[in-house]
Amino acid sequence: MRPEKNYLIAEVETHLKKSEYVILANFTKVTVSDVADLRSKLNAEKAEFHVVKNSSLRVAAKALGLPEIETALTGPTAVIVGGKNPAGVAKVLKKFFEDKQKLEVKIGVLNKKLVSAADLAKMADLPSFEALRSQFLSLLISNAGAFVRVLDAKVKKEQPAA
């Protein structure tokens, strides 16, 4: 293989190793200013947007043991990688699509398992981790408060009035 191709494949492998997830997108209608805007929004999630060649992505994915993504490798392809929050990245991509109607998510790989574009959209609709944590804590607090009120009522009922 030519050195140029080896370099491109190594570069794609480097991108794919940055996180436990990879999202493939079709960027056909996206302008340079749109990409700059998307990259700045993804930067908040510490994610990156890279345009790659399908042939380089195919070889790099196979070398890293990613599942079969051959069906998604048609047309221009960009990869979104990086960061620790795939749900946050999915939210950014979904919002970008709703605003611009340009970027199409093809498929994703999360923990070496294929994730469809519909599943990524569902993941984007989930509340943030902080919101889920606060909901869980409020659930615990309300149940504990109800338990204390039941115990207090039992004690008051058993004690005679003074």
C-alpha atoms as a PDB file:
ATOM      1  CA  MET A   1       0.000   0.000   0.000  1.00  0.00           C
ATOM      2  CA  ARG A   2       1.206   3.500  -0.755  1.00  0.00           C
ATOM      3  CA  PRO A   3       2.552   5.602   2.134  1.00  0.00           C
ATOM      4  CA  GLU A   4      -0.186   8.212   1.574  1.00  0.00           C
ATOM      5  CA  LYS A   5      -2.900   5.612   2.100  1.00  0.00           C
ATOM      6  CA  ASN A   6      -1.143   4.220   5.170  1.00  0.00           C
ATOM      7  CA  TYR A   7      -1.026   7.738   6.582  1.00  0.00           C
ATOM      8  CA  LEU A   8      -4.759   8.306   5.943  1.00  0.00           C
ATOM      9  CA  ILE A   9      -5.683   4.977   7.535  1.00  0.00           C
ATOM     10  CA  ALA A  10      -3.484   5.698  10.566  1.00  0.00           C
ATOM     11  CA  GLU A  11      -5.105   9.113  10.919  1.00  0.00           C
ATOM     12  CA  VAL A  12      -8.608   7.596  10.845  1.00  0.00           C
ATOM     13  CA  GLU A  13      -7.526   4.936  13.389  1.00  0.00           C
ATOM     14  CA  THR A  14      -6.313   7.733  15.664  1.00  0.00           C
ATOM     15  CA  HIS A  15      -9.717   9.411  15.446  1.00  0.00           C
ATOM     16  CA  LEU A  16     -11.578   6.159  16.115  1.00  0.00           C
ATOM     17  CA  LYS A  17      -9.477   5.423  19.211  1.00  0.00           C
ATOM     18  CA  LYS A  18     -10.459   8.717  20.879  1.00  0.00           C
ATOM     19  CA  SER A  19     -13.706   7.431  22.384  1.00  0.00           C
ATOM     20  CA  GLU A  20     -15.954   4.450  22.998  1.00  0.00           C
ATOM     21  CA  TYR A  21     -18.381   5.703  20.363  1.00  0.00           C
ATOM     22  CA  VAL A  22     -18.275   6.697  16.706  1.00  0.00           C
ATOM     23  CA  ILE A  23     -21.115   8.408  14.881  1.00  0.00           C
ATOM     24  CA  LEU A  24     -21.107   8.395  11.083  1.00  0.00           C
ATOM     25  CA  ALA A  25     -22.870  11.231   9.295  1.00  0.00           C
ATOM     26  CA  ASN A  26     -23.606  12.318   5.745  1.00  0.00           C
ATOM     27  CA  PHE A  27     -22.567  15.939   5.272  1.00  0.00           C
ATOM     28  CA  THR A  28     -23.626  16.462   1.653  1.00  0.00           C
ATOM     29  CA  LYS A  29     -25.478  19.774   2.097  1.00  0.00           C
ATOM     30  CA  VAL A  30     -23.318  21.160   4.924  1.00  0.00           C
ATOM     31  CA  THR A  31     -21.342  24.335   4.187  1.00  0.00           C
ATOM     32  CA  VAL A  32     -17.962  25.259   5.623  1.00  0.00           C
ATOM     33  CA  SER A  33     -19.551  27.788   7.986  1.00  0.00           C
ATOM     34  CA  ASP A  34     -22.036  25.112   9.136  1.00  0.00           C
ATOM     35  CA  VAL A  35     -19.158  22.744   9.889  1.00  0.00           C
ATOM     36  CA  ALA A  36     -17.390  25.466  11.874  1.00  0.00           C
ATOM     37  CA  ASP A  37     -20.589  26.085  13.840  1.00  0.00           C
ATOM     38  CA  LEU A  38     -21.091  22.358  14.464  1.00  0.00           C
ATOM     39  CA  ARG A  39     -17.479  21.910  15.563  1.00  0.00           C
ATOM     40  CA  SER A  40     -17.823  24.729  18.098  1.00  0.00           C
ATOM     41  CA  LYS A  41     -20.997  23.128  19.502  1.00  0.00           C
ATOM     42  CA  LEU A  42     -19.348  19.701  19.625  1.00  0.00           C
ATOM     43  CA  ASN A  43     -16.352  21.246  21.354  1.00  0.00           C
ATOM     44  CA  ALA A  44     -18.558  21.849  24.412  1.00  0.00           C
ATOM     45  CA  GLU A  45     -18.906  18.038  24.651  1.00  0.00           C
ATOM     46  CA  LYS A  46     -15.195  17.599  23.838  1.00  0.00           C
ATOM     47  CA  ALA A  47     -16.177  15.827  20.604  1.00  0.00           C
ATOM     48  CA  GLU A  48     -14.663  16.219  17.158  1.00  0.00           C
ATOM     49  CA  PHE A  49     -16.033  16.229  13.602  1.00  0.00           C
ATOM     50  CA  HIS A  50     -13.758  14.801  10.884  1.00  0.00           C
ATOM     51  CA  VAL A  51     -14.357  14.213   7.196  1.00  0.00           C
ATOM     52  CA  VAL A  52     -12.854  10.872   6.158  1.00  0.00           C
ATOM     53  CA  LYS A  53     -12.572   8.715   3.080  1.00  0.00           C
ATOM     54  CA  ASN A  54     -14.860   5.683   3.131  1.00  0.00           C
ATOM     55  CA  SER A  55     -12.067   3.332   2.066  1.00  0.00           C
ATOM     56  CA  SER A  56      -9.792   4.535   4.877  1.00  0.00           C
ATOM     57  CA  LEU A  57     -12.624   4.280   7.399  1.00  0.00           C
ATOM     58  CA  ARG A  58     -13.461   0.754   6.223  1.00  0.00           C
ATOM     59  CA  VAL A  59      -9.869  -0.454   6.712  1.00  0.00           C
ATOM     60  CA  ALA A  60      -9.388   1.366  10.036  1.00  0.00           C
ATOM     61  CA  ALA A  61     -12.682   0.073  11.462  1.00  0.00           C
ATOM     62  CA  LYS A  62     -11.815  -3.485  10.510  1.00  0.00           C
ATOM     63  CA  ALA A  63      -8.336  -3.136  12.052  1.00  0.00           C
ATOM     64  CA  LEU A  64      -9.836  -1.886  15.342  1.00  0.00           C
ATOM     65  CA  GLY A  65     -12.442  -4.667  15.466  1.00  0.00           C
ATOM     66  CA  LEU A  66     -15.488  -2.436  15.068  1.00  0.00           C
ATOM     67  CA  PRO A  67     -18.711  -4.081  13.866  1.00  0.00           C
ATOM     68  CA  GLU A  68     -19.612  -4.181  10.182  1.00  0.00           C
ATOM     69  CA  ILE A  69     -20.373  -0.622   9.025  1.00  0.00           C
ATOM     70  CA  GLU A  70     -20.182  -1.334   5.307  1.00  0.00           C
ATOM     71  CA  THR A  71     -23.823  -0.414   4.640  1.00  0.00           C
ATOM     72  CA  ALA A  72     -23.271   3.125   5.977  1.00  0.00           C
ATOM     73  CA  LEU A  73     -20.206   3.792   3.851  1.00  0.00           C
ATOM     74  CA  THR A  74     -21.955   5.321   0.865  1.00  0.00           C
ATOM     75  CA  GLY A  75     -21.639   8.942  -0.119  1.00  0.00           C
ATOM     76  CA  PRO A  76     -19.571  11.485   1.784  1.00  0.00           C
ATOM     77  CA  THR A  77     -18.888  10.420   5.360  1.00  0.00           C
ATOM     78  CA  ALA A  78     -17.858  12.301   8.469  1.00  0.00           C
ATOM     79  CA  VAL A  79     -17.056  10.765  11.849  1.00  0.00           C
ATOM     80  CA  ILE A  80     -17.915  12.302  15.190  1.00  0.00           C
ATOM     81  CA  VAL A  81     -15.744  11.012  18.051  1.00  0.00           C
ATOM     82  CA  GLY A  82     -14.319  12.077  21.388  1.00  0.00           C
ATOM     83  CA  GLY A  83     -15.614  13.065  24.760  1.00  0.00           C
ATOM     84  CA  LYS A  84     -17.240  10.924  27.414  1.00  0.00           C
ATOM     85  CA  ASN A  85     -20.894  11.735  26.776  1.00  0.00           C
ATOM     86  CA  PRO A  86     -22.365  10.106  23.648  1.00  0.00           C
ATOM     87  CA  ALA A  87     -25.881  11.209  24.643  1.00  0.00           C
ATOM     88  CA  GLY A  88     -24.738  14.840  24.798  1.00  0.00           C
ATOM     89  CA  VAL A  89     -23.154  14.531  21.360  1.00  0.00           C
ATOM     90  CA  ALA A  90     -26.363  12.968  20.020  1.00  0.00           C
ATOM     91  CA  LYS A  91     -28.287  15.959  21.448  1.00  0.00           C
ATOM     92  CA  VAL A  92     -25.952  18.395  19.668  1.00  0.00           C
ATOM     93  CA  LEU A  93     -26.320  16.541  16.350  1.00  0.00           C
ATOM     94  CA  LYS A  94     -30.104  16.324  16.653  1.00  0.00           C
ATOM     95  CA  LYS A  95     -30.388  20.047  17.474  1.00  0.00           C
ATOM     96  CA  PHE A  96     -28.072  20.893  14.569  1.00  0.00           C
ATOM     97  CA  PHE A  97     -30.237  18.838  12.195  1.00  0.00           C
ATOM     98  CA  GLU A  98     -33.432  20.468  13.467  1.00  0.00           C
ATOM     99  CA  ASP A  99     -31.942  23.939  13.033  1.00  0.00           C
ATOM    100  CA  LYS A 100     -30.190  23.486   9.677  1.00  0.00           C
ATOM    101  CA  GLN A 101     -31.905  20.446   8.117  1.00  0.00           C
ATOM    102  CA  LYS A 102     -28.568  19.463   6.590  1.00  0.00           C
ATOM    103  CA  LEU A 103     -26.640  16.825   8.515  1.00  0.00           C
ATOM    104  CA  GLU A 104     -27.915  13.247   8.335  1.00  0.00           C
ATOM    105  CA  VAL A 105     -26.743  10.691  10.901  1.00  0.00           C
ATOM    106  CA  LYS A 106     -26.102   7.375   9.176  1.00  0.00           C
ATOM    107  CA  ILE A 107     -25.228   5.003  12.007  1.00  0.00           C
ATOM    108  CA  GLY A 108     -23.309   4.851  15.244  1.00  0.00           C
ATOM    109  CA  VAL A 109     -21.069   2.445  17.105  1.00  0.00           C
ATOM    110  CA  LEU A 110     -21.274   2.482  20.889  1.00  0.00           C
ATOM    111  CA  ASN A 111     -19.050   0.119  22.896  1.00  0.00           C
ATOM    112  CA  LYS A 112     -18.357  -1.841  19.690  1.00  0.00           C
ATOM    113  CA  LYS A 113     -22.077  -2.394  19.007  1.00  0.00           C
ATOM    114  CA  LEU A 114     -24.028  -0.914  16.105  1.00  0.00           C
ATOM    115  CA  VAL A 115     -26.575   1.759  16.978  1.00  0.00           C
ATOM    116  CA  SER A 116     -29.106   2.919  14.402  1.00  0.00           C
ATOM    117  CA  ALA A 117     -29.824   6.570  13.657  1.00  0.00           C
ATOM    118  CA  ALA A 118     -33.264   6.136  15.272  1.00  0.00           C
ATOM    119  CA  ASP A 119     -31.658   4.839  18.479  1.00  0.00           C
ATOM    120  CA  LEU A 120     -29.272   7.798  18.506  1.00  0.00           C
ATOM    121  CA  ALA A 121     -32.278  10.124  18.177  1.00  0.00           C
ATOM    122  CA  LYS A 122     -33.920   8.391  21.163  1.00  0.00           C
ATOM    123  CA  MET A 123     -30.671   8.771  23.113  1.00  0.00           C
ATOM    124  CA  ALA A 124     -30.713  12.490  22.298  1.00  0.00           C
ATOM    125  CA  ASP A 125     -34.204  12.787  23.794  1.00  0.00           C
ATOM    126  CA  LEU A 126     -33.090  11.415  27.164  1.00  0.00           C
ATOM    127  CA  PRO A 127     -32.638  13.921  29.996  1.00  0.00           C
ATOM    128  CA  SER A 128     -29.082  14.876  30.898  1.00  0.00           C
ATOM    129  CA  PHE A 129     -27.149  12.898  33.494  1.00  0.00           C
ATOM    130  CA  GLU A 130     -27.543  15.724  36.018  1.00  0.00           C
ATOM    131  CA  ALA A 131     -31.327  15.798  35.480  1.00  0.00           C
ATOM    132  CA  LEU A 132     -31.573  12.026  35.928  1.00  0.00           C
ATOM    133  CA  ARG A 133     -29.487  12.227  39.099  1.00  0.00           C
ATOM    134  CA  SER A 134     -31.715  14.955  40.566  1.00  0.00           C
ATOM    135  CA  GLN A 135     -34.864  12.974  39.668  1.00  0.00           C
ATOM    136  CA  PHE A 136     -33.434   9.897  41.387  1.00  0.00           C
ATOM    137  CA  LEU A 137     -32.463  11.863  44.504  1.00  0.00           C
ATOM    138  CA  SER A 138     -35.900  13.482  44.734  1.00  0.00           C
ATOM    139  CA  LEU A 139     -37.458  10.023  44.479  1.00  0.00           C
ATOM    140  CA  LEU A 140     -35.280   8.787  47.350  1.00  0.00           C
ATOM    141  CA  ILE A 141     -36.005  11.838  49.483  1.00  0.00           C
ATOM    142  CA  SER A 142     -39.775  11.683  48.955  1.00  0.00           C
ATOM    143  CA  ASN A 143     -39.906   7.992  49.901  1.00  0.00           C
ATOM    144  CA  ALA A 144     -37.741   8.559  52.973  1.00  0.00           C
ATOM    145  CA  GLY A 145     -39.941  11.491  54.029  1.00  0.00           C
ATOM    146  CA  ALA A 146     -43.091   9.382  53.665  1.00  0.00           C
ATOM    147  CA  PHE A 147     -41.516   6.624  55.751  1.00  0.00           C
ATOM    148  CA  VAL A 148     -40.612   9.086  58.530  1.00  0.00           C
ATOM    149  CA  ARG A 149     -44.166  10.507  58.542  1.00  0.00           C
ATOM    150  CA  VAL A 150     -45.636   6.992  58.899  1.00  0.00           C
ATOM    151  CA  LEU A 151     -43.328   6.238  61.824  1.00  0.00           C
ATOM    152  CA  ASP A 152     -44.151   9.584  63.456  1.00  0.00           C
ATOM    153  CA  ALA A 153     -47.904   8.956  63.104  1.00  0.00           C
ATOM    154  CA  LYS A 154     -47.512   5.517  64.687  1.00  0.00           C
ATOM    155  CA  VAL A 155     -45.607   6.960  67.654  1.00  0.00           C
ATOM    156  CA  LYS A 156     -48.172   9.748  68.146  1.00  0.00           C
ATOM    157  CA  LYS A 157     -51.019   7.251  67.986  1.00  0.00           C
ATOM    158  CA  GLU A 158     -49.491   4.971  70.641  1.00  0.00           C
ATOM    159  CA  GLN A 159     -48.641   7.795  73.077  1.00  0.00           C
ATOM    160  CA  PRO A 160     -51.504   9.190  75.098  1.00  0.00           C
ATOM    161  CA  ALA A 161     -52.279  12.875  74.746  1.00  0.00           C
ATOM    162  CA  ALA A 162     -50.695  14.997  77.466  1.00  0.00           C
END
